[in-house]
């Protein structure tokens, strides 16, 4: 059976060996039993990517071009773009989403959000918190929940509480 394809967009790849790469690689390993998963620095809409069922983007600002390209190629509705999952990094939560327009646009385009820190949802702002009640699934993964949780569980269908 052919596995569905998932792209993980990471601002850093293996040669950087930083936290973004480590997160992307860990999720690739978690998901590889059910999906063909590749890690890329940029996602482009082309024949090779047309069958991707989901894109997990690490970092709202630094992955903004890939997020916008996915949304443009797949369309959006009031809930965001189907299959578009945004993992908010510490840089997003504690700097970029407050001041950077591209990071804010990424939040708007994402169908699902992953928050890696327990208090991260508090930084989303009142308007986004109201929007996520009916429109977003916010998946919370803490350091203690790494085993047995994947960032795509419940994300390619209806809303999920994570």
Protein backbone atom coordinates (compact mmCIF):
# COMPACT_ATOMS: atom_id res chain seq x y z
CA UNK A 1 0.00 0.00 0.00
CA UNK A 2 1.27 3.47 -0.88
CA UNK A 3 1.61 5.77 2.10
CA UNK A 4 0.36 9.37 1.87
CA UNK A 5 3.07 12.03 1.64
CA UNK A 6 3.75 14.66 4.28
CA UNK A 7 6.26 17.50 4.08
CA UNK A 8 7.88 19.00 7.14
CA UNK A 9 9.21 22.50 6.48
CA UNK A 10 12.09 23.36 8.77
CA UNK A 11 14.16 26.54 8.61
CA UNK A 12 17.19 24.36 9.40
CA UNK A 13 18.20 21.02 7.93
CA UNK A 14 20.55 18.27 9.10
CA UNK A 15 23.71 20.28 8.52
CA UNK A 16 22.57 22.78 11.17
CA UNK A 17 21.75 20.10 13.76
CA UNK A 18 19.79 22.64 15.84
CA UNK A 19 16.48 22.43 17.70
CA UNK A 20 14.33 22.96 14.60
CA UNK A 21 16.12 20.15 12.79
CA UNK A 22 15.92 17.85 15.81
CA UNK A 23 12.15 18.46 16.11
CA UNK A 24 11.61 17.90 12.39
CA UNK A 25 13.65 14.69 12.43
CA UNK A 26 11.89 13.37 15.54
CA UNK A 27 8.48 14.00 13.93
CA UNK A 28 9.66 12.42 10.68
CA UNK A 29 10.54 9.27 12.60
CA UNK A 30 7.20 9.28 14.47
CA UNK A 31 5.20 9.69 11.29
CA UNK A 32 7.18 7.39 9.02
CA UNK A 33 5.15 4.33 9.94
CA UNK A 34 2.05 5.85 8.35
CA UNK A 35 3.36 8.48 5.94
CA UNK A 36 6.18 9.10 3.50
CA UNK A 37 7.74 12.06 5.26
CA UNK A 38 10.38 14.38 3.90
CA UNK A 39 12.00 17.38 5.54
CA UNK A 40 12.52 20.42 3.33
CA UNK A 41 13.65 23.99 3.84
CA UNK A 42 11.05 25.34 1.38
CA UNK A 43 7.83 23.79 0.06
CA UNK A 44 6.96 24.45 -3.56
CA UNK A 45 3.80 23.57 -5.43
CA UNK A 46 4.78 21.27 -8.30
CA UNK A 47 4.12 17.79 -9.68
CA UNK A 48 6.32 16.21 -7.03
CA UNK A 49 4.36 17.81 -4.17
CA UNK A 50 0.81 17.68 -5.51
CA UNK A 51 0.03 14.50 -3.57
CA UNK A 52 1.16 15.82 -0.20
CA UNK A 53 -1.72 15.39 2.24
CA UNK A 54 -0.21 17.68 4.84
CA UNK A 55 2.53 20.17 5.44
CA UNK A 56 3.90 20.71 8.93
CA UNK A 57 5.70 24.04 9.07
CA UNK A 58 8.06 24.81 11.92
CA UNK A 59 8.26 28.54 12.62
CA UNK A 60 5.53 30.96 11.49
CA UNK A 61 7.84 33.68 10.18
CA UNK A 62 10.72 31.67 8.76
CA UNK A 63 8.37 29.22 6.97
CA UNK A 64 5.94 31.94 5.84
CA UNK A 65 6.73 31.61 2.12
CA UNK A 66 6.07 27.86 2.18
CA UNK A 67 2.89 28.38 4.21
CA UNK A 68 1.61 30.99 1.75
CA UNK A 69 2.48 28.77 -1.23
CA UNK A 70 0.61 25.80 0.29
CA UNK A 71 -2.44 27.94 1.02
CA UNK A 72 -2.41 29.46 -2.46
CA UNK A 73 -2.12 26.06 -4.15
CA UNK A 74 -4.63 24.27 -1.89
CA UNK A 75 -7.07 27.07 -1.16
CA UNK A 76 -8.32 28.38 2.16
CA UNK A 77 -11.57 28.84 3.97
CA UNK A 78 -12.55 30.33 7.32
CA UNK A 79 -10.65 27.52 9.06
CA UNK A 80 -7.43 28.00 7.11
CA UNK A 81 -5.90 25.75 4.48
CA UNK A 82 -6.69 22.03 4.62
CA UNK A 83 -3.64 20.00 5.62
CA UNK A 84 -1.64 23.02 6.76
CA UNK A 85 -0.20 22.50 10.23
CA UNK A 86 1.90 25.18 11.91
CA UNK A 87 4.18 24.33 14.82
CA UNK A 88 4.82 27.47 16.82
CA UNK A 89 8.38 27.81 18.07
CA UNK A 90 9.53 29.81 21.05
CA UNK A 91 10.66 32.56 18.68
CA UNK A 92 7.13 32.68 17.26
CA UNK A 93 5.44 32.78 20.64
CA UNK A 94 7.71 35.22 22.41
CA UNK A 95 8.59 37.59 19.58
CA UNK A 96 7.30 37.15 16.04
CA UNK A 97 3.54 36.65 16.35
CA UNK A 98 3.21 39.91 18.28
CA UNK A 99 5.02 42.09 15.76
CA UNK A 100 5.67 40.33 12.45
CA UNK A 101 2.95 40.51 9.78
CA UNK A 102 4.17 37.41 7.93
CA UNK A 103 4.04 35.37 11.14
CA UNK A 104 0.52 36.68 11.81
CA UNK A 105 -0.54 35.73 8.27
CA UNK A 106 0.86 32.23 8.82
CA UNK A 107 -1.37 31.87 11.89
CA UNK A 108 -4.36 32.91 9.80
CA UNK A 109 -3.58 30.43 7.01
CA UNK A 110 -2.90 27.40 9.23
CA UNK A 111 -5.72 24.92 9.74
CA UNK A 112 -4.03 23.40 12.80
CA UNK A 113 -1.57 24.75 15.34
CA UNK A 114 0.95 22.82 17.38
CA UNK A 115 2.14 24.52 20.53
CA UNK A 116 5.26 22.98 22.01
CA UNK A 117 5.05 24.75 25.35
CA UNK A 118 2.21 24.34 27.82
CA UNK A 119 1.70 28.08 28.29
CA UNK A 120 2.06 28.78 24.58
CA UNK A 121 -1.67 29.07 23.95
CA UNK A 122 -1.73 32.08 26.29
CA UNK A 123 0.44 33.95 23.77
CA UNK A 124 -1.97 33.45 20.87
CA UNK A 125 -4.04 36.52 21.63
CA UNK A 126 -7.72 36.87 22.31
CA UNK A 127 -8.89 37.01 18.69
CA UNK A 128 -7.01 33.86 17.72
CA UNK A 129 -8.12 32.05 20.87
CA UNK A 130 -11.73 32.83 19.94
CA UNK A 131 -11.11 31.70 16.38
CA UNK A 132 -9.57 28.42 17.45
CA UNK A 133 -12.64 27.31 19.38
CA UNK A 134 -14.48 26.45 16.18
CA UNK A 135 -11.85 26.81 13.53
CA UNK A 136 -8.52 25.49 14.76
CA UNK A 137 -7.30 22.39 16.48
CA UNK A 138 -4.54 23.29 18.86
CA UNK A 139 -2.33 20.33 19.58
CA UNK A 140 -0.18 20.61 22.67
CA UNK A 141 2.99 18.56 22.80
CA UNK A 142 5.20 18.95 25.81
CA UNK A 143 8.60 17.45 26.37
CA UNK A 144 6.92 14.68 28.37
CA UNK A 145 4.50 13.78 25.59
CA UNK A 146 7.03 13.00 22.87
CA UNK A 147 6.46 9.26 22.94
CA UNK A 148 3.20 8.08 21.39
CA UNK A 149 2.05 11.49 20.13
CA UNK A 150 2.51 12.68 16.61
CA UNK A 151 1.86 16.17 15.28
CA UNK A 152 -0.50 14.90 12.60
CA UNK A 153 -2.90 12.79 14.70
CA UNK A 154 -6.40 13.96 13.86
CA UNK A 155 -5.17 16.73 11.56
CA UNK A 156 -6.28 15.44 8.20
CA UNK A 157 -9.98 15.29 8.87
CA UNK A 158 -12.21 17.03 11.31
CA UNK A 159 -11.07 19.01 14.29
CA UNK A 160 -9.24 17.22 17.02
CA UNK A 161 -8.45 18.16 20.57
CA UNK A 162 -5.01 16.61 20.25
